[in-house]
Amino acid sequence: MTTCVLGAANTLVHCSGHTLSNLELQKLVHIAHMFCMGRNRGEPLVHGQFEAWKLQPGSPRTVSPNQVVWCWRG
């Protein structure tokens, strides 16, 4: 079951109670993606590729390395 990167990120943000930083969100999406590939014989969790960024692997579809994402509680 492959989903879009933003869908996976939104699920993680919601489950965390909107407390994740950009760095934490990128890392958790990447870890979930790799875990899914390991458990499902290479089937990816999200569409697209992760890139090597300065602090962690990241997906430009989730957030760019220089962009700020605000998670509003509502």
PDB file of N, CA and C in Angstrom:
ATOM      1  N   MET A   1       0.843  -1.177   0.000  1.00  0.00           N
ATOM      2  CA  MET A   1       0.000   0.000   0.000  1.00  0.00           C
ATOM      3  C   MET A   1       0.884   1.234   0.000  1.00  0.00           C
ATOM      4  N   THR A   2       1.042   1.841  -1.135  1.00  0.00           N
ATOM      5  CA  THR A   2       1.878   3.026  -1.259  1.00  0.00           C
ATOM      6  C   THR A   2       1.005   4.273  -1.169  1.00  0.00           C
ATOM      7  N   THR A   3       1.473   5.253  -0.425  1.00  0.00           N
ATOM      8  CA  THR A   3       0.738   6.503  -0.235  1.00  0.00           C
ATOM      9  C   THR A   3       1.626   7.676  -0.620  1.00  0.00           C
ATOM     10  N   CYS A   4       1.075   8.856  -0.642  1.00  0.00           N
ATOM     11  CA  CYS A   4       1.895  10.033  -0.924  1.00  0.00           C
ATOM     12  C   CYS A   4       2.659  10.423   0.345  1.00  0.00           C
ATOM     13  N   VAL A   5       3.754  11.111   0.177  1.00  0.00           N
ATOM     14  CA  VAL A   5       4.592  11.523   1.301  1.00  0.00           C
ATOM     15  C   VAL A   5       3.811  12.431   2.249  1.00  0.00           C
ATOM     16  N   LEU A   6       3.020  13.336   1.698  1.00  0.00           N
ATOM     17  CA  LEU A   6       2.254  14.245   2.545  1.00  0.00           C
ATOM     18  C   LEU A   6       1.211  13.508   3.376  1.00  0.00           C
ATOM     19  N   GLY A   7       0.632  12.459   2.835  1.00  0.00           N
ATOM     20  CA  GLY A   7      -0.334  11.666   3.589  1.00  0.00           C
ATOM     21  C   GLY A   7       0.320  10.992   4.783  1.00  0.00           C
ATOM     22  N   ALA A   8       1.500  10.413   4.566  1.00  0.00           N
ATOM     23  CA  ALA A   8       2.238   9.788   5.665  1.00  0.00           C
ATOM     24  C   ALA A   8       2.652  10.832   6.697  1.00  0.00           C
ATOM     25  N   ALA A   9       3.106  11.986   6.235  1.00  0.00           N
ATOM     26  CA  ALA A   9       3.524  13.052   7.145  1.00  0.00           C
ATOM     27  C   ALA A   9       2.344  13.568   7.957  1.00  0.00           C
ATOM     28  N   ASN A  10       1.198  13.758   7.315  1.00  0.00           N
ATOM     29  CA  ASN A  10       0.013  14.229   8.033  1.00  0.00           C
ATOM     30  C   ASN A  10      -0.428  13.234   9.098  1.00  0.00           C
ATOM     31  N   THR A  11      -0.349  11.945   8.794  1.00  0.00           N
ATOM     32  CA  THR A  11      -0.709  10.923   9.776  1.00  0.00           C
ATOM     33  C   THR A  11       0.215  10.988  10.979  1.00  0.00           C
ATOM     34  N   LEU A  12       1.515  11.125  10.743  1.00  0.00           N
ATOM     35  CA  LEU A  12       2.470  11.211  11.850  1.00  0.00           C
ATOM     36  C   LEU A  12       2.253  12.476  12.685  1.00  0.00           C
ATOM     37  N   VAL A  13       1.992  13.588  12.028  1.00  0.00           N
ATOM     38  CA  VAL A  13       1.739  14.843  12.749  1.00  0.00           C
ATOM     39  C   VAL A  13       0.494  14.699  13.616  1.00  0.00           C
ATOM     40  N   HIS A  14      -0.552  14.121  13.073  1.00  0.00           N
ATOM     41  CA  HIS A  14      -1.788  13.940  13.825  1.00  0.00           C
ATOM     42  C   HIS A  14      -1.579  13.008  15.025  1.00  0.00           C
ATOM     43  N   CYS A  15      -0.885  11.893  14.803  1.00  0.00           N
ATOM     44  CA  CYS A  15      -0.645  10.927  15.885  1.00  0.00           C
ATOM     45  C   CYS A  15       0.241  11.501  16.988  1.00  0.00           C
ATOM     46  N   SER A  16       1.082  12.451  16.654  1.00  0.00           N
ATOM     47  CA  SER A  16       1.984  13.042  17.650  1.00  0.00           C
ATOM     48  C   SER A  16       1.314  14.154  18.445  1.00  0.00           C
ATOM     49  N   GLY A  17       0.112  14.517  18.076  1.00  0.00           N
ATOM     50  CA  GLY A  17      -0.534  15.642  18.729  1.00  0.00           C
ATOM     51  C   GLY A  17       0.009  16.975  18.251  1.00  0.00           C
ATOM     52  N   HIS A  18       0.520  17.000  17.040  1.00  0.00           N
ATOM     53  CA  HIS A  18       1.058  18.222  16.412  1.00  0.00           C
ATOM     54  C   HIS A  18       2.282  18.753  17.159  1.00  0.00           C
ATOM     55  N   THR A  19       3.140  17.856  17.606  1.00  0.00           N
ATOM     56  CA  THR A  19       4.315  18.277  18.375  1.00  0.00           C
ATOM     57  C   THR A  19       5.635  18.005  17.669  1.00  0.00           C
ATOM     58  N   LEU A  20       5.620  17.536  16.429  1.00  0.00           N
ATOM     59  CA  LEU A  20       6.850  17.194  15.725  1.00  0.00           C
ATOM     60  C   LEU A  20       7.491  18.415  15.075  1.00  0.00           C
ATOM     61  N   SER A  21       8.815  18.486  15.178  1.00  0.00           N
ATOM     62  CA  SER A  21       9.550  19.507  14.433  1.00  0.00           C
ATOM     63  C   SER A  21       9.727  19.025  12.993  1.00  0.00           C
ATOM     64  N   ASN A  22      10.174  19.910  12.115  1.00  0.00           N
ATOM     65  CA  ASN A  22      10.435  19.525  10.723  1.00  0.00           C
ATOM     66  C   ASN A  22      11.440  18.382  10.650  1.00  0.00           C
ATOM     67  N   LEU A  23      12.508  18.480  11.442  1.00  0.00           N
ATOM     68  CA  LEU A  23      13.548  17.453  11.452  1.00  0.00           C
ATOM     69  C   LEU A  23      12.992  16.112  11.919  1.00  0.00           C
ATOM     70  N   GLU A  24      12.217  16.134  12.993  1.00  0.00           N
ATOM     71  CA  GLU A  24      11.629  14.889  13.503  1.00  0.00           C
ATOM     72  C   GLU A  24      10.671  14.279  12.484  1.00  0.00           C
ATOM     73  N   LEU A  25       9.882  15.114  11.835  1.00  0.00           N
ATOM     74  CA  LEU A  25       8.925  14.626  10.849  1.00  0.00           C
ATOM     75  C   LEU A  25       9.634  13.955   9.679  1.00  0.00           C
ATOM     76  N   GLN A  26      10.676  14.588   9.153  1.00  0.00           N
ATOM     77  CA  GLN A  26      11.429  13.998   8.038  1.00  0.00           C
ATOM     78  C   GLN A  26      12.025  12.648   8.444  1.00  0.00           C
ATOM     79  N   LYS A  27      12.618  12.601   9.632  1.00  0.00           N
ATOM     80  CA  LYS A  27      13.233  11.350  10.084  1.00  0.00           C
ATOM     81  C   LYS A  27      12.198  10.252  10.256  1.00  0.00           C
ATOM     82  N   LEU A  28      11.060  10.574  10.864  1.00  0.00           N
ATOM     83  CA  LEU A  28      10.034   9.557  11.089  1.00  0.00           C
ATOM     84  C   LEU A  28       9.422   9.052   9.794  1.00  0.00           C
ATOM     85  N   VAL A  29       9.205   9.921   8.823  1.00  0.00           N
ATOM     86  CA  VAL A  29       8.684   9.468   7.527  1.00  0.00           C
ATOM     87  C   VAL A  29       9.698   8.539   6.863  1.00  0.00           C
ATOM     88  N   HIS A  30      10.972   8.887   6.925  1.00  0.00           N
ATOM     89  CA  HIS A  30      12.010   8.040   6.330  1.00  0.00           C
ATOM     90  C   HIS A  30      12.106   6.694   7.043  1.00  0.00           C
ATOM     91  N   ILE A  31      12.065   6.699   8.379  1.00  0.00           N
ATOM     92  CA  ILE A  31      12.141   5.449   9.143  1.00  0.00           C
ATOM     93  C   ILE A  31      10.929   4.560   8.833  1.00  0.00           C
ATOM     94  N   ALA A  32       9.731   5.154   8.791  1.00  0.00           N
ATOM     95  CA  ALA A  32       8.532   4.382   8.471  1.00  0.00           C
ATOM     96  C   ALA A  32       8.615   3.796   7.065  1.00  0.00           C
ATOM     97  N   HIS A  33       9.146   4.572   6.133  1.00  0.00           N
ATOM     98  CA  HIS A  33       9.320   4.113   4.748  1.00  0.00           C
ATOM     99  C   HIS A  33      10.275   2.911   4.695  1.00  0.00           C
ATOM    100  N   MET A  34      11.408   3.014   5.378  1.00  0.00           N
ATOM    101  CA  MET A  34      12.383   1.916   5.376  1.00  0.00           C
ATOM    102  C   MET A  34      11.838   0.686   6.098  1.00  0.00           C
ATOM    103  N   PHE A  35      11.113   0.896   7.193  1.00  0.00           N
ATOM    104  CA  PHE A  35      10.507  -0.213   7.932  1.00  0.00           C
ATOM    105  C   PHE A  35       9.509  -0.952   7.040  1.00  0.00           C
ATOM    106  N   CYS A  36       8.689  -0.201   6.328  1.00  0.00           N
ATOM    107  CA  CYS A  36       7.705  -0.789   5.435  1.00  0.00           C
ATOM    108  C   CYS A  36       8.376  -1.595   4.321  1.00  0.00           C
ATOM    109  N   MET A  37       9.456  -1.059   3.767  1.00  0.00           N
ATOM    110  CA  MET A  37      10.175  -1.780   2.707  1.00  0.00           C
ATOM    111  C   MET A  37      10.759  -3.088   3.232  1.00  0.00           C
ATOM    112  N   GLY A  38      11.265  -3.059   4.463  1.00  0.00           N
ATOM    113  CA  GLY A  38      11.817  -4.273   5.049  1.00  0.00           C
ATOM    114  C   GLY A  38      10.762  -5.318   5.347  1.00  0.00           C
ATOM    115  N   ARG A  39       9.605  -4.895   5.813  1.00  0.00           N
ATOM    116  CA  ARG A  39       8.531  -5.819   6.186  1.00  0.00           C
ATOM    117  C   ARG A  39       7.759  -6.338   4.984  1.00  0.00           C
ATOM    118  N   ASN A  40       7.729  -5.578   3.899  1.00  0.00           N
ATOM    119  CA  ASN A  40       6.883  -5.916   2.752  1.00  0.00           C
ATOM    120  C   ASN A  40       7.674  -6.234   1.497  1.00  0.00           C
ATOM    121  N   ARG A  41       8.839  -6.815   1.672  1.00  0.00           N
ATOM    122  CA  ARG A  41       9.662  -7.288   0.538  1.00  0.00           C
ATOM    123  C   ARG A  41       9.925  -6.208  -0.506  1.00  0.00           C
ATOM    124  N   GLY A  42      10.313  -5.035  -0.034  1.00  0.00           N
ATOM    125  CA  GLY A  42      10.685  -3.955  -0.934  1.00  0.00           C
ATOM    126  C   GLY A  42       9.554  -3.042  -1.356  1.00  0.00           C
ATOM    127  N   GLU A  43       8.329  -3.326  -0.906  1.00  0.00           N
ATOM    128  CA  GLU A  43       7.192  -2.457  -1.237  1.00  0.00           C
ATOM    129  C   GLU A  43       7.322  -1.145  -0.469  1.00  0.00           C
ATOM    130  N   PRO A  44       7.409  -0.006  -1.158  1.00  0.00           N
ATOM    131  CA  PRO A  44       7.610   1.269  -0.460  1.00  0.00           C
ATOM    132  C   PRO A  44       6.343   1.751   0.237  1.00  0.00           C
ATOM    133  N   LEU A  45       6.509   2.545   1.277  1.00  0.00           N
ATOM    134  CA  LEU A  45       5.379   3.173   1.959  1.00  0.00           C
ATOM    135  C   LEU A  45       4.902   4.390   1.186  1.00  0.00           C
ATOM    136  N   VAL A  46       5.850   5.174   0.670  1.00  0.00           N
ATOM    137  CA  VAL A  46       5.505   6.427   0.008  1.00  0.00           C
ATOM    138  C   VAL A  46       6.051   6.452  -1.414  1.00  0.00           C
ATOM    139  N   HIS A  47       5.371   7.227  -2.261  1.00  0.00           N
ATOM    140  CA  HIS A  47       5.847   7.456  -3.629  1.00  0.00           C
ATOM    141  C   HIS A  47       7.046   8.395  -3.570  1.00  0.00           C
ATOM    142  N   GLY A  48       7.920   8.296  -4.538  1.00  0.00           N
ATOM    143  CA  GLY A  48       9.023   9.246  -4.637  1.00  0.00           C
ATOM    144  C   GLY A  48      10.287   8.753  -3.955  1.00  0.00           C
ATOM    145  N   GLN A  49      11.293   9.581  -4.018  1.00  0.00           N
ATOM    146  CA  GLN A  49      12.611   9.254  -3.493  1.00  0.00           C
ATOM    147  C   GLN A  49      12.983  10.188  -2.356  1.00  0.00           C
ATOM    148  N   PHE A  50      13.819   9.691  -1.471  1.00  0.00           N
ATOM    149  CA  PHE A  50      14.393  10.533  -0.430  1.00  0.00           C
ATOM    150  C   PHE A  50      15.755  11.023  -0.916  1.00  0.00           C
ATOM    151  N   GLU A  51      16.124  12.206  -0.476  1.00  0.00           N
ATOM    152  CA  GLU A  51      17.397  12.811  -0.871  1.00  0.00           C
ATOM    153  C   GLU A  51      18.316  12.914   0.338  1.00  0.00           C
ATOM    154  N   ALA A  52      19.609  12.990   0.068  1.00  0.00           N
ATOM    155  CA  ALA A  52      20.587  13.181   1.142  1.00  0.00           C
ATOM    156  C   ALA A  52      20.663  14.672   1.448  1.00  0.00           C
ATOM    157  N   TRP A  53      20.127  15.061   2.601  1.00  0.00           N
ATOM    158  CA  TRP A  53      20.193  16.443   3.050  1.00  0.00           C
ATOM    159  C   TRP A  53      21.262  16.562   4.124  1.00  0.00           C
ATOM    160  N   LYS A  54      21.542  17.754   4.537  1.00  0.00           N
ATOM    161  CA  LYS A  54      22.631  18.009   5.478  1.00  0.00           C
ATOM    162  C   LYS A  54      22.453  17.267   6.805  1.00  0.00           C
ATOM    163  N   LEU A  55      21.263  17.283   7.381  1.00  0.00           N
ATOM    164  CA  LEU A  55      21.051  16.692   8.701  1.00  0.00           C
ATOM    165  C   LEU A  55      20.393  15.324   8.693  1.00  0.00           C
ATOM    166  N   GLN A  56      19.712  14.961   7.603  1.00  0.00           N
ATOM    167  CA  GLN A  56      18.999  13.681   7.554  1.00  0.00           C
ATOM    168  C   GLN A  56      18.491  13.456   6.134  1.00  0.00           C
ATOM    169  N   PRO A  57      18.060  12.227   5.847  1.00  0.00           N
ATOM    170  CA  PRO A  57      17.391  12.018   4.564  1.00  0.00           C
ATOM    171  C   PRO A  57      16.076  12.792   4.565  1.00  0.00           C
ATOM    172  N   GLY A  58      15.696  13.334   3.426  1.00  0.00           N
ATOM    173  CA  GLY A  58      14.469  14.097   3.368  1.00  0.00           C
ATOM    174  C   GLY A  58      13.783  13.956   2.033  1.00  0.00           C
ATOM    175  N   SER A  59      12.519  14.314   2.018  1.00  0.00           N
ATOM    176  CA  SER A  59      11.739  14.303   0.795  1.00  0.00           C
ATOM    177  C   SER A  59      11.290  15.729   0.503  1.00  0.00           C
ATOM    178  N   PRO A  60      11.617  16.247  -0.680  1.00  0.00           N
ATOM    179  CA  PRO A  60      11.212  17.611  -1.006  1.00  0.00           C
ATOM    180  C   PRO A  60       9.698  17.772  -1.066  1.00  0.00           C
ATOM    181  N   ARG A  61       8.953  16.679  -1.178  1.00  0.00           N
ATOM    182  CA  ARG A  61       7.495  16.769  -1.196  1.00  0.00           C
ATOM    183  C   ARG A  61       6.933  17.012   0.202  1.00  0.00           C
ATOM    184  N   THR A  62       7.669  16.647   1.238  1.00  0.00           N
ATOM    185  CA  THR A  62       7.202  16.885   2.600  1.00  0.00           C
ATOM    186  C   THR A  62       7.515  18.313   2.995  1.00  0.00           C
ATOM    187  N   VAL A  63       8.766  18.682   2.905  1.00  0.00           N
ATOM    188  CA  VAL A  63       9.195  20.040   3.222  1.00  0.00           C
ATOM    189  C   VAL A  63      10.604  20.203   2.669  1.00  0.00           C
ATOM    190  N   SER A  64      10.921  21.349   2.127  1.00  0.00           N
ATOM    191  CA  SER A  64      12.274  21.582   1.635  1.00  0.00           C
ATOM    192  C   SER A  64      13.194  21.866   2.815  1.00  0.00           C
ATOM    193  N   PRO A  65      14.498  21.675   2.656  1.00  0.00           N
ATOM    194  CA  PRO A  65      15.420  21.863   3.782  1.00  0.00           C
ATOM    195  C   PRO A  65      15.388  23.264   4.376  1.00  0.00           C
ATOM    196  N   ASN A  66      14.972  24.270   3.618  1.00  0.00           N
ATOM    197  CA  ASN A  66      14.973  25.650   4.096  1.00  0.00           C
ATOM    198  C   ASN A  66      13.577  26.182   4.411  1.00  0.00           C
ATOM    199  N   GLN A  67      12.568  25.337   4.308  1.00  0.00           N
ATOM    200  CA  GLN A  67      11.191  25.763   4.507  1.00  0.00           C
ATOM    201  C   GLN A  67      10.763  25.496   5.946  1.00  0.00           C
ATOM    202  N   VAL A  68       9.923  26.343   6.457  1.00  0.00           N
ATOM    203  CA  VAL A  68       9.366  26.155   7.798  1.00  0.00           C
ATOM    204  C   VAL A  68       7.924  25.695   7.662  1.00  0.00           C
ATOM    205  N   VAL A  69       7.566  24.653   8.395  1.00  0.00           N
ATOM    206  CA  VAL A  69       6.195  24.146   8.402  1.00  0.00           C
ATOM    207  C   VAL A  69       5.597  24.431   9.765  1.00  0.00           C
ATOM    208  N   TRP A  70       4.427  25.018   9.771  1.00  0.00           N
ATOM    209  CA  TRP A  70       3.731  25.303  11.022  1.00  0.00           C
ATOM    210  C   TRP A  70       2.610  24.303  11.187  1.00  0.00           C
ATOM    211  N   CYS A  71       2.566  23.656  12.322  1.00  0.00           N
ATOM    212  CA  CYS A  71       1.503  22.702  12.623  1.00  0.00           C
ATOM    213  C   CYS A  71       0.552  23.356  13.622  1.00  0.00           C
ATOM    214  N   TRP A  72      -0.619  23.696  13.160  1.00  0.00           N
ATOM    215  CA  TRP A  72      -1.593  24.375  14.014  1.00  0.00           C
ATOM    216  C   TRP A  72      -2.414  23.353  14.766  1.00  0.00           C
ATOM    217  N   ARG A  73      -2.631  23.601  16.016  1.00  0.00           N
ATOM    218  CA  ARG A  73      -3.516  22.751  16.808  1.00  0.00           C
ATOM    219  C   ARG A  73      -4.923  23.265  16.658  1.00  0.00           C
ATOM    220  N   GLY A  74      -5.837  22.347  16.447  1.00  0.00           N
ATOM    221  CA  GLY A  74      -7.210  22.814  16.277  1.00  0.00           C
ATOM    222  C   GLY A  74      -8.232  21.825  16.721  1.00  0.00           C
TER     223      GLY A  74
END
